[in-house]
């Protein structure tokens, strides 16, 4: 499939790296293609970033067929543009698509389109450590139909955003709040897919947490309300004694690309890493016994986010001394050194935009 390219002249400049927040600065162009039953994916184009015109009856608005991904491009000291595990993101997107009755995409084609878009928008890639070009591929249902079924038409698009740190705290430990009254996902549902509705379902608890001064919600399982699942924007890890623990995937947890990367590095470094059930009671007991050494989250947006405080009902525990832990920093440095071309990519996670 050929990609039609329409560009615009622009005098817009990227904000200073120090002024970048997250998800607010968008580049000049985007990639778009459409799907219909008779044509499949078609009409692929790179065009100026602009609003879409869709019907008020588009099924995405009424029945929630929407999936997305998040990945990043980095500029290395020798000016190469590197993507971190991009094909894994698009494989996960196809898993989400299958789960949400959306047609799969051709990963090789989409990778070529993404690279072409990034080359066009190279000036938008910041170069300071901790900054990057955030990439948001998305698919929405576009059929103008009011009836419960899978849409027959879809739109796929990729937009780009120059970003700084996801959390205002940066690498300083964040505070997380355990939700006792709300659940994110149940087995047999769509919790393992990166679909928009999962995030909508998390908002009420997130707003409550923020009012209490907490950055994110830590979710428990939907059945027993005691087993830890994930944080709103990241997977979670606990270092208890010498065991690094992350909840195992049960169909309710998003299989994070950064999560896989942390597990891979932990095994490579000879660490005692476990993917298993872990209850909130185990975490609090480990803290009481002096065995809870570190807690940190992992995700594309924040990479590694140390956790300094957890609140569960009326109980509050503090982890560490207010600074990022040694283990969290080891993973942060290990991952970002690969991403920014400062360390050897022995895992073949980097794909260069030629």
C-alpha atoms as a PDB file:
ATOM      1  CA  UNK A   1       0.000   0.000   0.000  1.00  0.00           C
ATOM      2  CA  UNK A   2       1.370   3.373  -1.025  1.00  0.00           C
ATOM      3  CA  UNK A   3       1.525   6.218   1.485  1.00  0.00           C
ATOM      4  CA  UNK A   4       0.362   9.594   0.231  1.00  0.00           C
ATOM      5  CA  UNK A   5       2.275  12.468   1.844  1.00  0.00           C
ATOM      6  CA  UNK A   6       0.861  15.978   2.258  1.00  0.00           C
ATOM      7  CA  UNK A   7       3.068  18.387   4.163  1.00  0.00           C
ATOM      8  CA  UNK A   8       2.710  21.948   5.384  1.00  0.00           C
ATOM      9  CA  UNK A   9       5.214  24.748   5.877  1.00  0.00           C
ATOM     10  CA  UNK A  10       5.340  25.758   9.493  1.00  0.00           C
ATOM     11  CA  UNK A  11       7.253  28.164  11.687  1.00  0.00           C
ATOM     12  CA  UNK A  12       6.312  26.330  14.871  1.00  0.00           C
ATOM     13  CA  UNK A  13       9.223  25.448  17.117  1.00  0.00           C
ATOM     14  CA  UNK A  14       9.505  22.846  19.813  1.00  0.00           C
ATOM     15  CA  UNK A  15       9.445  24.216  23.360  1.00  0.00           C
ATOM     16  CA  UNK A  16      12.675  24.072  25.350  1.00  0.00           C
ATOM     17  CA  UNK A  17      13.326  20.619  26.763  1.00  0.00           C
ATOM     18  CA  UNK A  18      13.047  22.034  30.279  1.00  0.00           C
ATOM     19  CA  UNK A  19       9.528  23.326  29.512  1.00  0.00           C
ATOM     20  CA  UNK A  20       8.132  20.048  28.198  1.00  0.00           C
ATOM     21  CA  UNK A  21       5.352  18.383  30.132  1.00  0.00           C
ATOM     22  CA  UNK A  22       3.612  15.226  28.953  1.00  0.00           C
ATOM     23  CA  UNK A  23       1.043  14.903  26.186  1.00  0.00           C
ATOM     24  CA  UNK A  24       0.550  18.594  25.440  1.00  0.00           C
ATOM     25  CA  UNK A  25       2.892  19.387  22.528  1.00  0.00           C
ATOM     26  CA  UNK A  26       1.958  17.737  19.229  1.00  0.00           C
ATOM     27  CA  UNK A  27       3.956  17.701  16.011  1.00  0.00           C
ATOM     28  CA  UNK A  28       2.931  19.094  12.626  1.00  0.00           C
ATOM     29  CA  UNK A  29       1.905  15.849  10.916  1.00  0.00           C
ATOM     30  CA  UNK A  30       0.245  12.510  11.620  1.00  0.00           C
ATOM     31  CA  UNK A  31      -0.251   9.167   9.874  1.00  0.00           C
ATOM     32  CA  UNK A  32      -3.789   8.013   9.069  1.00  0.00           C
ATOM     33  CA  UNK A  33      -5.420   5.062   7.292  1.00  0.00           C
ATOM     34  CA  UNK A  34      -8.941   3.688   7.125  1.00  0.00           C
ATOM     35  CA  UNK A  35     -10.586   0.279   7.104  1.00  0.00           C
ATOM     36  CA  UNK A  36     -13.698  -1.056   5.394  1.00  0.00           C
ATOM     37  CA  UNK A  37     -14.887  -4.615   4.829  1.00  0.00           C
ATOM     38  CA  UNK A  38     -14.480  -4.454   1.064  1.00  0.00           C
ATOM     39  CA  UNK A  39     -11.094  -2.682   0.940  1.00  0.00           C
ATOM     40  CA  UNK A  40      -9.410  -3.721   4.168  1.00  0.00           C
ATOM     41  CA  UNK A  41      -6.909  -1.140   5.440  1.00  0.00           C
ATOM     42  CA  UNK A  42      -6.566   1.513   2.747  1.00  0.00           C
ATOM     43  CA  UNK A  43      -6.024   5.207   1.948  1.00  0.00           C
ATOM     44  CA  UNK A  44      -2.841   5.456   4.006  1.00  0.00           C
ATOM     45  CA  UNK A  45      -1.492   8.976   4.243  1.00  0.00           C
ATOM     46  CA  UNK A  46       0.729  11.344   6.158  1.00  0.00           C
ATOM     47  CA  UNK A  47      -1.055  14.650   6.493  1.00  0.00           C
ATOM     48  CA  UNK A  48      -1.064  17.806   8.618  1.00  0.00           C
ATOM     49  CA  UNK A  49      -2.101  17.277  12.233  1.00  0.00           C
ATOM     50  CA  UNK A  50      -5.740  18.401  12.423  1.00  0.00           C
ATOM     51  CA  UNK A  51      -9.140  17.544  13.834  1.00  0.00           C
ATOM     52  CA  UNK A  52     -11.075  14.621  12.355  1.00  0.00           C
ATOM     53  CA  UNK A  53     -14.573  14.895  10.960  1.00  0.00           C
ATOM     54  CA  UNK A  54     -16.642  11.884  12.089  1.00  0.00           C
ATOM     55  CA  UNK A  55     -20.335  11.220  12.472  1.00  0.00           C
ATOM     56  CA  UNK A  56     -21.962  11.829  15.872  1.00  0.00           C
ATOM     57  CA  UNK A  57     -23.255   8.275  15.404  1.00  0.00           C
ATOM     58  CA  UNK A  58     -19.721   6.839  15.062  1.00  0.00           C
ATOM     59  CA  UNK A  59     -19.712   3.642  17.085  1.00  0.00           C
ATOM     60  CA  UNK A  60     -16.619   4.593  19.086  1.00  0.00           C
ATOM     61  CA  UNK A  61     -18.709   7.205  20.927  1.00  0.00           C
ATOM     62  CA  UNK A  62     -21.487   4.781  21.836  1.00  0.00           C
ATOM     63  CA  UNK A  63     -19.933   1.339  22.250  1.00  0.00           C
ATOM     64  CA  UNK A  64     -16.319   2.066  23.109  1.00  0.00           C
ATOM     65  CA  UNK A  65     -14.393   0.268  20.372  1.00  0.00           C
ATOM     66  CA  UNK A  66     -11.088   2.095  20.778  1.00  0.00           C
ATOM     67  CA  UNK A  67      -7.562   0.812  21.389  1.00  0.00           C
ATOM     68  CA  UNK A  68      -4.212   2.535  21.550  1.00  0.00           C
ATOM     69  CA  UNK A  69      -0.508   2.083  22.254  1.00  0.00           C
ATOM     70  CA  UNK A  70       2.276   4.207  23.681  1.00  0.00           C
ATOM     71  CA  UNK A  71       5.923   4.018  22.671  1.00  0.00           C
ATOM     72  CA  UNK A  72       8.856   6.378  22.317  1.00  0.00           C
ATOM     73  CA  UNK A  73      11.599   7.557  19.968  1.00  0.00           C
ATOM     74  CA  UNK A  74      14.924   8.792  21.351  1.00  0.00           C
ATOM     75  CA  UNK A  75      17.811  10.813  19.913  1.00  0.00           C
ATOM     76  CA  UNK A  76      21.249   9.352  20.691  1.00  0.00           C
ATOM     77  CA  UNK A  77      24.454  11.400  21.183  1.00  0.00           C
ATOM     78  CA  UNK A  78      25.472  10.550  17.594  1.00  0.00           C
ATOM     79  CA  UNK A  79      22.069  11.840  16.353  1.00  0.00           C
ATOM     80  CA  UNK A  80      20.543   8.456  15.550  1.00  0.00           C
ATOM     81  CA  UNK A  81      16.801   8.111  16.093  1.00  0.00           C
ATOM     82  CA  UNK A  82      16.002   4.960  18.073  1.00  0.00           C
ATOM     83  CA  UNK A  83      12.697   3.238  18.784  1.00  0.00           C
ATOM     84  CA  UNK A  84      12.446   1.023  21.876  1.00  0.00           C
ATOM     85  CA  UNK A  85      10.771  -2.350  21.214  1.00  0.00           C
ATOM     86  CA  UNK A  86       8.257  -0.876  18.723  1.00  0.00           C
ATOM     87  CA  UNK A  87       7.233  -4.196  17.188  1.00  0.00           C
ATOM     88  CA  UNK A  88       6.276  -5.492  20.623  1.00  0.00           C
ATOM     89  CA  UNK A  89       3.916  -2.532  20.972  1.00  0.00           C
ATOM     90  CA  UNK A  90       2.274  -3.276  17.637  1.00  0.00           C
ATOM     91  CA  UNK A  91       2.018  -6.986  18.484  1.00  0.00           C
ATOM     92  CA  UNK A  92       0.245  -5.991  21.685  1.00  0.00           C
ATOM     93  CA  UNK A  93      -1.972  -3.660  19.675  1.00  0.00           C
ATOM     94  CA  UNK A  94      -3.034  -6.583  17.493  1.00  0.00           C
ATOM     95  CA  UNK A  95      -3.839  -8.597  20.637  1.00  0.00           C
ATOM     96  CA  UNK A  96      -5.983  -5.710  21.849  1.00  0.00           C
ATOM     97  CA  UNK A  97      -7.577  -5.470  18.395  1.00  0.00           C
ATOM     98  CA  UNK A  98      -8.509  -9.155  18.418  1.00  0.00           C
ATOM     99  CA  UNK A  99      -9.970  -8.811  21.904  1.00  0.00           C
ATOM    100  CA  UNK A 100     -12.043  -5.791  20.852  1.00  0.00           C
ATOM    101  CA  UNK A 101     -13.209  -7.231  17.478  1.00  0.00           C
ATOM    102  CA  UNK A 102     -11.048  -4.782  15.501  1.00  0.00           C
ATOM    103  CA  UNK A 103      -9.122  -5.829  12.356  1.00  0.00           C
ATOM    104  CA  UNK A 104      -5.401  -6.437  12.864  1.00  0.00           C
ATOM    105  CA  UNK A 105      -2.787  -4.195  11.261  1.00  0.00           C
ATOM    106  CA  UNK A 106       0.222  -5.228   9.173  1.00  0.00           C
ATOM    107  CA  UNK A 107       3.112  -4.569  11.555  1.00  0.00           C
ATOM    108  CA  UNK A 108       5.797  -4.255   8.867  1.00  0.00           C
ATOM    109  CA  UNK A 109       3.738  -1.709   6.950  1.00  0.00           C
ATOM    110  CA  UNK A 110       2.892   0.322  10.037  1.00  0.00           C
ATOM    111  CA  UNK A 111       6.548   0.298  11.097  1.00  0.00           C
ATOM    112  CA  UNK A 112       7.547   1.720   7.702  1.00  0.00           C
ATOM    113  CA  UNK A 113       4.841   4.374   7.977  1.00  0.00           C
ATOM    114  CA  UNK A 114       5.939   5.304  11.493  1.00  0.00           C
ATOM    115  CA  UNK A 115       9.565   5.687  10.456  1.00  0.00           C
ATOM    116  CA  UNK A 116       8.578   7.860   7.520  1.00  0.00           C
ATOM    117  CA  UNK A 117       6.489  10.068   9.830  1.00  0.00           C
ATOM    118  CA  UNK A 118       9.300  10.356  12.387  1.00  0.00           C
ATOM    119  CA  UNK A 119      11.848  11.310   9.726  1.00  0.00           C
ATOM    120  CA  UNK A 120       9.506  14.094   8.639  1.00  0.00           C
ATOM    121  CA  UNK A 121       9.109  15.297  12.247  1.00  0.00           C
ATOM    122  CA  UNK A 122      12.707  14.871  13.402  1.00  0.00           C
ATOM    123  CA  UNK A 123      12.981  18.437  14.719  1.00  0.00           C
ATOM    124  CA  UNK A 124      10.373  17.580  17.354  1.00  0.00           C
ATOM    125  CA  UNK A 125      12.569  14.952  19.042  1.00  0.00           C
ATOM    126  CA  UNK A 126      14.080  16.447  22.211  1.00  0.00           C
ATOM    127  CA  UNK A 127      17.566  15.311  23.191  1.00  0.00           C
ATOM    128  CA  UNK A 128      17.864  15.840  26.952  1.00  0.00           C
ATOM    129  CA  UNK A 129      17.910  12.722  29.162  1.00  0.00           C
ATOM    130  CA  UNK A 130      14.361  12.079  30.346  1.00  0.00           C
ATOM    131  CA  UNK A 131      12.768  13.640  27.261  1.00  0.00           C
ATOM    132  CA  UNK A 132      11.624  11.836  24.122  1.00  0.00           C
ATOM    133  CA  UNK A 133       9.160  11.765  21.252  1.00  0.00           C
ATOM    134  CA  UNK A 134       6.051   9.993  22.489  1.00  0.00           C
ATOM    135  CA  UNK A 135       4.178   7.965  19.858  1.00  0.00           C
ATOM    136  CA  UNK A 136       0.448   7.281  20.160  1.00  0.00           C
ATOM    137  CA  UNK A 137      -1.009   4.775  17.635  1.00  0.00           C
ATOM    138  CA  UNK A 138      -4.804   4.542  17.965  1.00  0.00           C
ATOM    139  CA  UNK A 139      -7.717   2.735  16.306  1.00  0.00           C
ATOM    140  CA  UNK A 140     -11.329   3.890  16.626  1.00  0.00           C
ATOM    141  CA  UNK A 141     -14.626   2.506  15.281  1.00  0.00           C
ATOM    142  CA  UNK A 142     -16.195   4.886  12.775  1.00  0.00           C
ATOM    143  CA  UNK A 143     -19.417   3.203  11.566  1.00  0.00           C
ATOM    144  CA  UNK A 144     -22.365   5.648  11.884  1.00  0.00           C
ATOM    145  CA  UNK A 145     -24.651   3.025  13.418  1.00  0.00           C
ATOM    146  CA  UNK A 146     -26.656   2.852  16.637  1.00  0.00           C
ATOM    147  CA  UNK A 147     -26.773  -0.827  17.426  1.00  0.00           C
ATOM    148  CA  UNK A 148     -24.607  -3.150  19.480  1.00  0.00           C
ATOM    149  CA  UNK A 149     -22.236  -4.981  17.148  1.00  0.00           C
ATOM    150  CA  UNK A 150     -18.662  -4.636  15.983  1.00  0.00           C
ATOM    151  CA  UNK A 151     -18.108  -1.709  13.639  1.00  0.00           C
ATOM    152  CA  UNK A 152     -17.539  -2.388   9.940  1.00  0.00           C
ATOM    153  CA  UNK A 153     -15.236   0.624   9.487  1.00  0.00           C
ATOM    154  CA  UNK A 154     -12.263   1.927  11.476  1.00  0.00           C
ATOM    155  CA  UNK A 155      -9.654   4.644  11.496  1.00  0.00           C
ATOM    156  CA  UNK A 156      -6.033   4.048  12.496  1.00  0.00           C
ATOM    157  CA  UNK A 157      -3.824   7.027  13.246  1.00  0.00           C
ATOM    158  CA  UNK A 158      -0.452   7.824  14.765  1.00  0.00           C
ATOM    159  CA  UNK A 159       0.236  11.151  16.409  1.00  0.00           C
ATOM    160  CA  UNK A 160       3.519  12.308  17.911  1.00  0.00           C
ATOM    161  CA  UNK A 161       4.212  14.418  20.982  1.00  0.00           C
ATOM    162  CA  UNK A 162       7.417  15.940  22.369  1.00  0.00           C
ATOM    163  CA  UNK A 163       7.461  15.006  26.060  1.00  0.00           C
ATOM    164  CA  UNK A 164       9.337  15.444  29.301  1.00  0.00           C
ATOM    165  CA  UNK A 165       8.786  13.512  32.528  1.00  0.00           C
ATOM    166  CA  UNK A 166       5.377  11.847  32.976  1.00  0.00           C
ATOM    167  CA  UNK A 167       5.219  12.658  36.681  1.00  0.00           C
ATOM    168  CA  UNK A 168       5.944  16.161  37.942  1.00  0.00           C
ATOM    169  CA  UNK A 169       7.989  14.433  40.651  1.00  0.00           C
ATOM    170  CA  UNK A 170      10.307  13.037  37.963  1.00  0.00           C
ATOM    171  CA  UNK A 171      12.415  10.312  39.569  1.00  0.00           C
ATOM    172  CA  UNK A 172      11.457  11.372  43.074  1.00  0.00           C
ATOM    173  CA  UNK A 173       9.298   8.717  44.754  1.00  0.00           C
ATOM    174  CA  UNK A 174       5.555   9.059  44.169  1.00  0.00           C
ATOM    175  CA  UNK A 175       2.722   8.303  46.579  1.00  0.00           C
ATOM    176  CA  UNK A 176       0.103   5.706  45.607  1.00  0.00           C
ATOM    177  CA  UNK A 177      -3.340   5.011  47.030  1.00  0.00           C
ATOM    178  CA  UNK A 178      -4.891   1.534  47.214  1.00  0.00           C
ATOM    179  CA  UNK A 179      -8.491   1.466  46.024  1.00  0.00           C
ATOM    180  CA  UNK A 180     -10.786  -0.479  48.350  1.00  0.00           C
ATOM    181  CA  UNK A 181     -14.111   0.525  46.781  1.00  0.00           C
ATOM    182  CA  UNK A 182     -13.405   0.284  43.054  1.00  0.00           C
ATOM    183  CA  UNK A 183     -11.931  -2.357  40.742  1.00  0.00           C
ATOM    184  CA  UNK A 184     -10.283  -1.904  37.367  1.00  0.00           C
ATOM    185  CA  UNK A 185     -10.899  -5.280  35.705  1.00  0.00           C
ATOM    186  CA  UNK A 186     -12.195  -8.807  36.243  1.00  0.00           C
ATOM    187  CA  UNK A 187     -11.171 -12.113  34.688  1.00  0.00           C
ATOM    188  CA  UNK A 188     -12.965 -12.737  31.426  1.00  0.00           C
ATOM    189  CA  UNK A 189     -13.170  -9.022  30.696  1.00  0.00           C
ATOM    190  CA  UNK A 190     -10.906  -6.686  28.748  1.00  0.00           C
ATOM    191  CA  UNK A 191      -8.404  -5.749  31.455  1.00  0.00           C
ATOM    192  CA  UNK A 192      -5.438  -7.169  29.525  1.00  0.00           C
ATOM    193  CA  UNK A 193      -6.176  -5.022  26.463  1.00  0.00           C
ATOM    194  CA  UNK A 194      -5.112  -1.405  26.023  1.00  0.00           C
ATOM    195  CA  UNK A 195      -8.607  -0.163  25.366  1.00  0.00           C
ATOM    196  CA  UNK A 196      -9.969   3.267  26.190  1.00  0.00           C
ATOM    197  CA  UNK A 197     -12.739   2.010  28.476  1.00  0.00           C
ATOM    198  CA  UNK A 198     -10.235   0.600  30.963  1.00  0.00           C
ATOM    199  CA  UNK A 199      -8.918   4.088  31.573  1.00  0.00           C
ATOM    200  CA  UNK A 200     -12.385   5.625  31.815  1.00  0.00           C
ATOM    201  CA  UNK A 201     -13.224   3.034  34.474  1.00  0.00           C
ATOM    202  CA  UNK A 202     -10.196   4.115  36.505  1.00  0.00           C
ATOM    203  CA  UNK A 203     -11.015   7.817  36.653  1.00  0.00           C
ATOM    204  CA  UNK A 204     -13.309   7.958  39.677  1.00  0.00           C
ATOM    205  CA  UNK A 205     -10.755   6.246  41.909  1.00  0.00           C
ATOM    206  CA  UNK A 206      -7.952   8.339  40.420  1.00  0.00           C
ATOM    207  CA  UNK A 207      -9.806  11.553  41.240  1.00  0.00           C
ATOM    208  CA  UNK A 208     -10.335  10.401  44.821  1.00  0.00           C
ATOM    209  CA  UNK A 209      -6.634   9.556  45.118  1.00  0.00           C
ATOM    210  CA  UNK A 210      -5.551  12.952  43.795  1.00  0.00           C
ATOM    211  CA  UNK A 211      -7.800  14.757  46.265  1.00  0.00           C
ATOM    212  CA  UNK A 212      -5.958  12.893  49.007  1.00  0.00           C
ATOM    213  CA  UNK A 213      -2.585  13.923  47.579  1.00  0.00           C
ATOM    214  CA  UNK A 214      -1.701  10.672  45.813  1.00  0.00           C
ATOM    215  CA  UNK A 215      -0.333  10.406  42.276  1.00  0.00           C
ATOM    216  CA  UNK A 216      -1.848   7.074  41.239  1.00  0.00           C
ATOM    217  CA  UNK A 217      -4.199   4.267  42.251  1.00  0.00           C
ATOM    218  CA  UNK A 218      -2.957   0.774  43.096  1.00  0.00           C
ATOM    219  CA  UNK A 219      -5.627  -1.698  41.994  1.00  0.00           C
ATOM    220  CA  UNK A 220      -6.570  -4.937  43.751  1.00  0.00           C
ATOM    221  CA  UNK A 221      -8.239  -7.980  42.195  1.00  0.00           C
ATOM    222  CA  UNK A 222     -11.987  -7.881  41.585  1.00  0.00           C
ATOM    223  CA  UNK A 223     -12.882 -11.095  43.437  1.00  0.00           C
ATOM    224  CA  UNK A 224     -11.078 -11.208  46.777  1.00  0.00           C
ATOM    225  CA  UNK A 225     -10.066  -7.529  46.824  1.00  0.00           C
ATOM    226  CA  UNK A 226      -6.644  -8.347  48.247  1.00  0.00           C
ATOM    227  CA  UNK A 227      -4.263  -9.362  45.465  1.00  0.00           C
ATOM    228  CA  UNK A 228      -2.294  -6.545  43.845  1.00  0.00           C
ATOM    229  CA  UNK A 229      -2.696  -6.057  40.115  1.00  0.00           C
ATOM    230  CA  UNK A 230      -1.222  -2.826  38.725  1.00  0.00           C
ATOM    231  CA  UNK A 231      -1.094   0.934  39.116  1.00  0.00           C
ATOM    232  CA  UNK A 232      -3.164   3.162  36.827  1.00  0.00           C
ATOM    233  CA  UNK A 233      -0.310   4.038  34.448  1.00  0.00           C
ATOM    234  CA  UNK A 234       2.243   1.336  35.177  1.00  0.00           C
ATOM    235  CA  UNK A 235       2.969  -2.190  36.320  1.00  0.00           C
ATOM    236  CA  UNK A 236       4.318  -2.585  39.856  1.00  0.00           C
ATOM    237  CA  UNK A 237       7.338  -4.292  41.480  1.00  0.00           C
ATOM    238  CA  UNK A 238       8.144  -5.022  45.132  1.00  0.00           C
ATOM    239  CA  UNK A 239      11.578  -5.870  46.527  1.00  0.00           C
ATOM    240  CA  UNK A 240      11.028  -8.000  49.641  1.00  0.00           C
ATOM    241  CA  UNK A 241      14.293  -9.241  51.133  1.00  0.00           C
ATOM    242  CA  UNK A 242      16.154 -10.348  47.991  1.00  0.00           C
ATOM    243  CA  UNK A 243      13.033 -11.300  45.976  1.00  0.00           C
ATOM    244  CA  UNK A 244      11.817  -8.896  43.288  1.00  0.00           C
ATOM    245  CA  UNK A 245       8.096  -9.589  42.847  1.00  0.00           C
ATOM    246  CA  UNK A 246       5.609  -8.442  40.239  1.00  0.00           C
ATOM    247  CA  UNK A 247       2.002  -9.688  39.930  1.00  0.00           C
ATOM    248  CA  UNK A 248       1.620 -12.485  37.401  1.00  0.00           C
ATOM    249  CA  UNK A 249      -0.512 -11.930  34.316  1.00  0.00           C
ATOM    250  CA  UNK A 250      -3.988 -13.324  34.876  1.00  0.00           C
ATOM    251  CA  UNK A 251      -5.974 -11.685  32.087  1.00  0.00           C
ATOM    252  CA  UNK A 252      -6.709  -8.559  34.129  1.00  0.00           C
ATOM    253  CA  UNK A 253      -3.312  -6.854  33.949  1.00  0.00           C
ATOM    254  CA  UNK A 254      -1.869  -5.024  30.950  1.00  0.00           C
ATOM    255  CA  UNK A 255       1.254  -6.932  29.787  1.00  0.00           C
ATOM    256  CA  UNK A 256       3.606  -3.946  29.842  1.00  0.00           C
ATOM    257  CA  UNK A 257       6.529  -3.724  27.433  1.00  0.00           C
ATOM    258  CA  UNK A 258       8.648  -2.043  30.129  1.00  0.00           C
ATOM    259  CA  UNK A 259       7.511  -4.744  32.579  1.00  0.00           C
ATOM    260  CA  UNK A 260       8.890  -7.420  30.235  1.00  0.00           C
ATOM    261  CA  UNK A 261      12.088  -5.410  29.915  1.00  0.00           C
ATOM    262  CA  UNK A 262      12.577  -5.176  33.697  1.00  0.00           C
ATOM    263  CA  UNK A 263      11.998  -8.922  34.039  1.00  0.00           C
ATOM    264  CA  UNK A 264      14.477  -9.632  31.213  1.00  0.00           C
ATOM    265  CA  UNK A 265      17.145  -7.424  32.771  1.00  0.00           C
ATOM    266  CA  UNK A 266      16.556  -8.865  36.257  1.00  0.00           C
ATOM    267  CA  UNK A 267      17.133 -12.390  34.934  1.00  0.00           C
ATOM    268  CA  UNK A 268      20.203 -11.249  32.996  1.00  0.00           C
ATOM    269  CA  UNK A 269      21.632  -9.651  36.149  1.00  0.00           C
ATOM    270  CA  UNK A 270      21.023 -12.827  38.175  1.00  0.00           C
ATOM    271  CA  UNK A 271      18.352 -11.328  40.425  1.00  0.00           C
ATOM    272  CA  UNK A 272      15.719 -13.402  42.203  1.00  0.00           C
ATOM    273  CA  UNK A 273      12.692 -12.315  40.150  1.00  0.00           C
ATOM    274  CA  UNK A 274       9.187 -13.752  40.650  1.00  0.00           C
ATOM    275  CA  UNK A 275       5.946 -13.314  38.761  1.00  0.00           C
ATOM    276  CA  UNK A 276       3.361 -14.397  41.310  1.00  0.00           C
ATOM    277  CA  UNK A 277       0.350 -13.439  43.355  1.00  0.00           C
ATOM    278  CA  UNK A 278       1.147 -10.866  46.016  1.00  0.00           C
ATOM    279  CA  UNK A 279      -1.440  -9.512  48.440  1.00  0.00           C
ATOM    280  CA  UNK A 280      -1.579  -6.039  49.911  1.00  0.00           C
ATOM    281  CA  UNK A 281      -1.389  -7.703  53.346  1.00  0.00           C
ATOM    282  CA  UNK A 282       1.909  -9.368  52.388  1.00  0.00           C
ATOM    283  CA  UNK A 283       3.324  -5.981  51.410  1.00  0.00           C
ATOM    284  CA  UNK A 284       2.265  -4.308  54.664  1.00  0.00           C
ATOM    285  CA  UNK A 285       3.511  -7.261  56.747  1.00  0.00           C
ATOM    286  CA  UNK A 286       6.860  -7.157  54.928  1.00  0.00           C
ATOM    287  CA  UNK A 287       7.105  -3.462  55.773  1.00  0.00           C
ATOM    288  CA  UNK A 288       6.240  -4.150  59.414  1.00  0.00           C
ATOM    289  CA  UNK A 289       8.992  -6.795  59.571  1.00  0.00           C
ATOM    290  CA  UNK A 290      11.553  -4.544  57.907  1.00  0.00           C
ATOM    291  CA  UNK A 291      11.711  -6.722  54.780  1.00  0.00           C
ATOM    292  CA  UNK A 292      10.127  -4.337  52.231  1.00  0.00           C
ATOM    293  CA  UNK A 293      13.170  -2.734  50.635  1.00  0.00           C
ATOM    294  CA  UNK A 294      11.751  -0.966  47.555  1.00  0.00           C
ATOM    295  CA  UNK A 295       8.611  -0.459  45.495  1.00  0.00           C
ATOM    296  CA  UNK A 296       8.631   0.917  41.954  1.00  0.00           C
ATOM    297  CA  UNK A 297       6.458   1.078  38.868  1.00  0.00           C
ATOM    298  CA  UNK A 298       7.388   0.463  35.243  1.00  0.00           C
ATOM    299  CA  UNK A 299       5.814   1.863  32.093  1.00  0.00           C
ATOM    300  CA  UNK A 300       6.567   3.506  28.773  1.00  0.00           C
ATOM    301  CA  UNK A 301       5.631   6.978  29.973  1.00  0.00           C
ATOM    302  CA  UNK A 302       7.639   7.083  33.206  1.00  0.00           C
ATOM    303  CA  UNK A 303      10.108   4.220  32.462  1.00  0.00           C
ATOM    304  CA  UNK A 304      10.750   3.556  36.178  1.00  0.00           C
ATOM    305  CA  UNK A 305       8.855   5.368  38.933  1.00  0.00           C
ATOM    306  CA  UNK A 306       9.964   4.783  42.546  1.00  0.00           C
ATOM    307  CA  UNK A 307       7.175   4.615  45.121  1.00  0.00           C
ATOM    308  CA  UNK A 308       7.766   6.299  48.473  1.00  0.00           C
ATOM    309  CA  UNK A 309       4.385   5.897  50.170  1.00  0.00           C
ATOM    310  CA  UNK A 310       1.395   3.543  50.000  1.00  0.00           C
ATOM    311  CA  UNK A 311      -1.950   4.221  51.653  1.00  0.00           C
ATOM    312  CA  UNK A 312      -4.452   1.418  52.237  1.00  0.00           C
ATOM    313  CA  UNK A 313      -7.526   2.582  54.102  1.00  0.00           C
ATOM    314  CA  UNK A 314      -6.259   4.224  57.281  1.00  0.00           C
ATOM    315  CA  UNK A 315      -2.855   2.552  57.034  1.00  0.00           C
ATOM    316  CA  UNK A 316       0.074   4.418  55.501  1.00  0.00           C
ATOM    317  CA  UNK A 317       3.578   3.060  54.994  1.00  0.00           C
ATOM    318  CA  UNK A 318       6.696   4.884  53.825  1.00  0.00           C
ATOM    319  CA  UNK A 319       9.310   3.104  51.747  1.00  0.00           C
ATOM    320  CA  UNK A 320      12.942   4.189  51.709  1.00  0.00           C
ATOM    321  CA  UNK A 321      14.323   7.556  52.724  1.00  0.00           C
ATOM    322  CA  UNK A 322      12.534   9.825  50.288  1.00  0.00           C
ATOM    323  CA  UNK A 323      14.993   9.125  47.491  1.00  0.00           C
ATOM    324  CA  UNK A 324      14.873   6.594  44.624  1.00  0.00           C
ATOM    325  CA  UNK A 325      16.052   3.157  45.730  1.00  0.00           C
ATOM    326  CA  UNK A 326      19.195   1.489  44.438  1.00  0.00           C
ATOM    327  CA  UNK A 327      17.282  -1.211  42.539  1.00  0.00           C
ATOM    328  CA  UNK A 328      14.874   1.240  40.897  1.00  0.00           C
ATOM    329  CA  UNK A 329      17.805   3.401  39.818  1.00  0.00           C
ATOM    330  CA  UNK A 330      19.646   0.385  38.430  1.00  0.00           C
ATOM    331  CA  UNK A 331      16.705  -0.460  36.192  1.00  0.00           C
ATOM    332  CA  UNK A 332      16.138   3.172  35.223  1.00  0.00           C
ATOM    333  CA  UNK A 333      19.768   3.582  34.218  1.00  0.00           C
ATOM    334  CA  UNK A 334      19.894   0.190  32.510  1.00  0.00           C
ATOM    335  CA  UNK A 335      16.820   0.919  30.390  1.00  0.00           C
ATOM    336  CA  UNK A 336      17.507   4.562  29.559  1.00  0.00           C
ATOM    337  CA  UNK A 337      21.148   3.859  28.675  1.00  0.00           C
ATOM    338  CA  UNK A 338      19.888   1.416  26.043  1.00  0.00           C
ATOM    339  CA  UNK A 339      17.162   3.788  24.864  1.00  0.00           C
ATOM    340  CA  UNK A 340      19.513   6.760  24.467  1.00  0.00           C
ATOM    341  CA  UNK A 341      22.328   4.747  22.891  1.00  0.00           C
ATOM    342  CA  UNK A 342      24.675   4.969  25.881  1.00  0.00           C
ATOM    343  CA  UNK A 343      24.895   1.205  26.398  1.00  0.00           C
ATOM    344  CA  UNK A 344      25.096  -1.827  24.155  1.00  0.00           C
ATOM    345  CA  UNK A 345      21.721  -3.113  23.010  1.00  0.00           C
ATOM    346  CA  UNK A 346      22.499  -6.740  23.814  1.00  0.00           C
ATOM    347  CA  UNK A 347      18.783  -7.613  23.876  1.00  0.00           C
ATOM    348  CA  UNK A 348      18.094  -6.264  20.356  1.00  0.00           C
ATOM    349  CA  UNK A 349      15.384  -3.962  21.692  1.00  0.00           C
ATOM    350  CA  UNK A 350      16.321  -0.938  19.602  1.00  0.00           C
ATOM    351  CA  UNK A 351      15.156  -0.317  16.041  1.00  0.00           C
ATOM    352  CA  UNK A 352      16.922   2.570  14.316  1.00  0.00           C
ATOM    353  CA  UNK A 353      14.991   4.977  12.095  1.00  0.00           C
ATOM    354  CA  UNK A 354      17.291   5.060   9.056  1.00  0.00           C
END
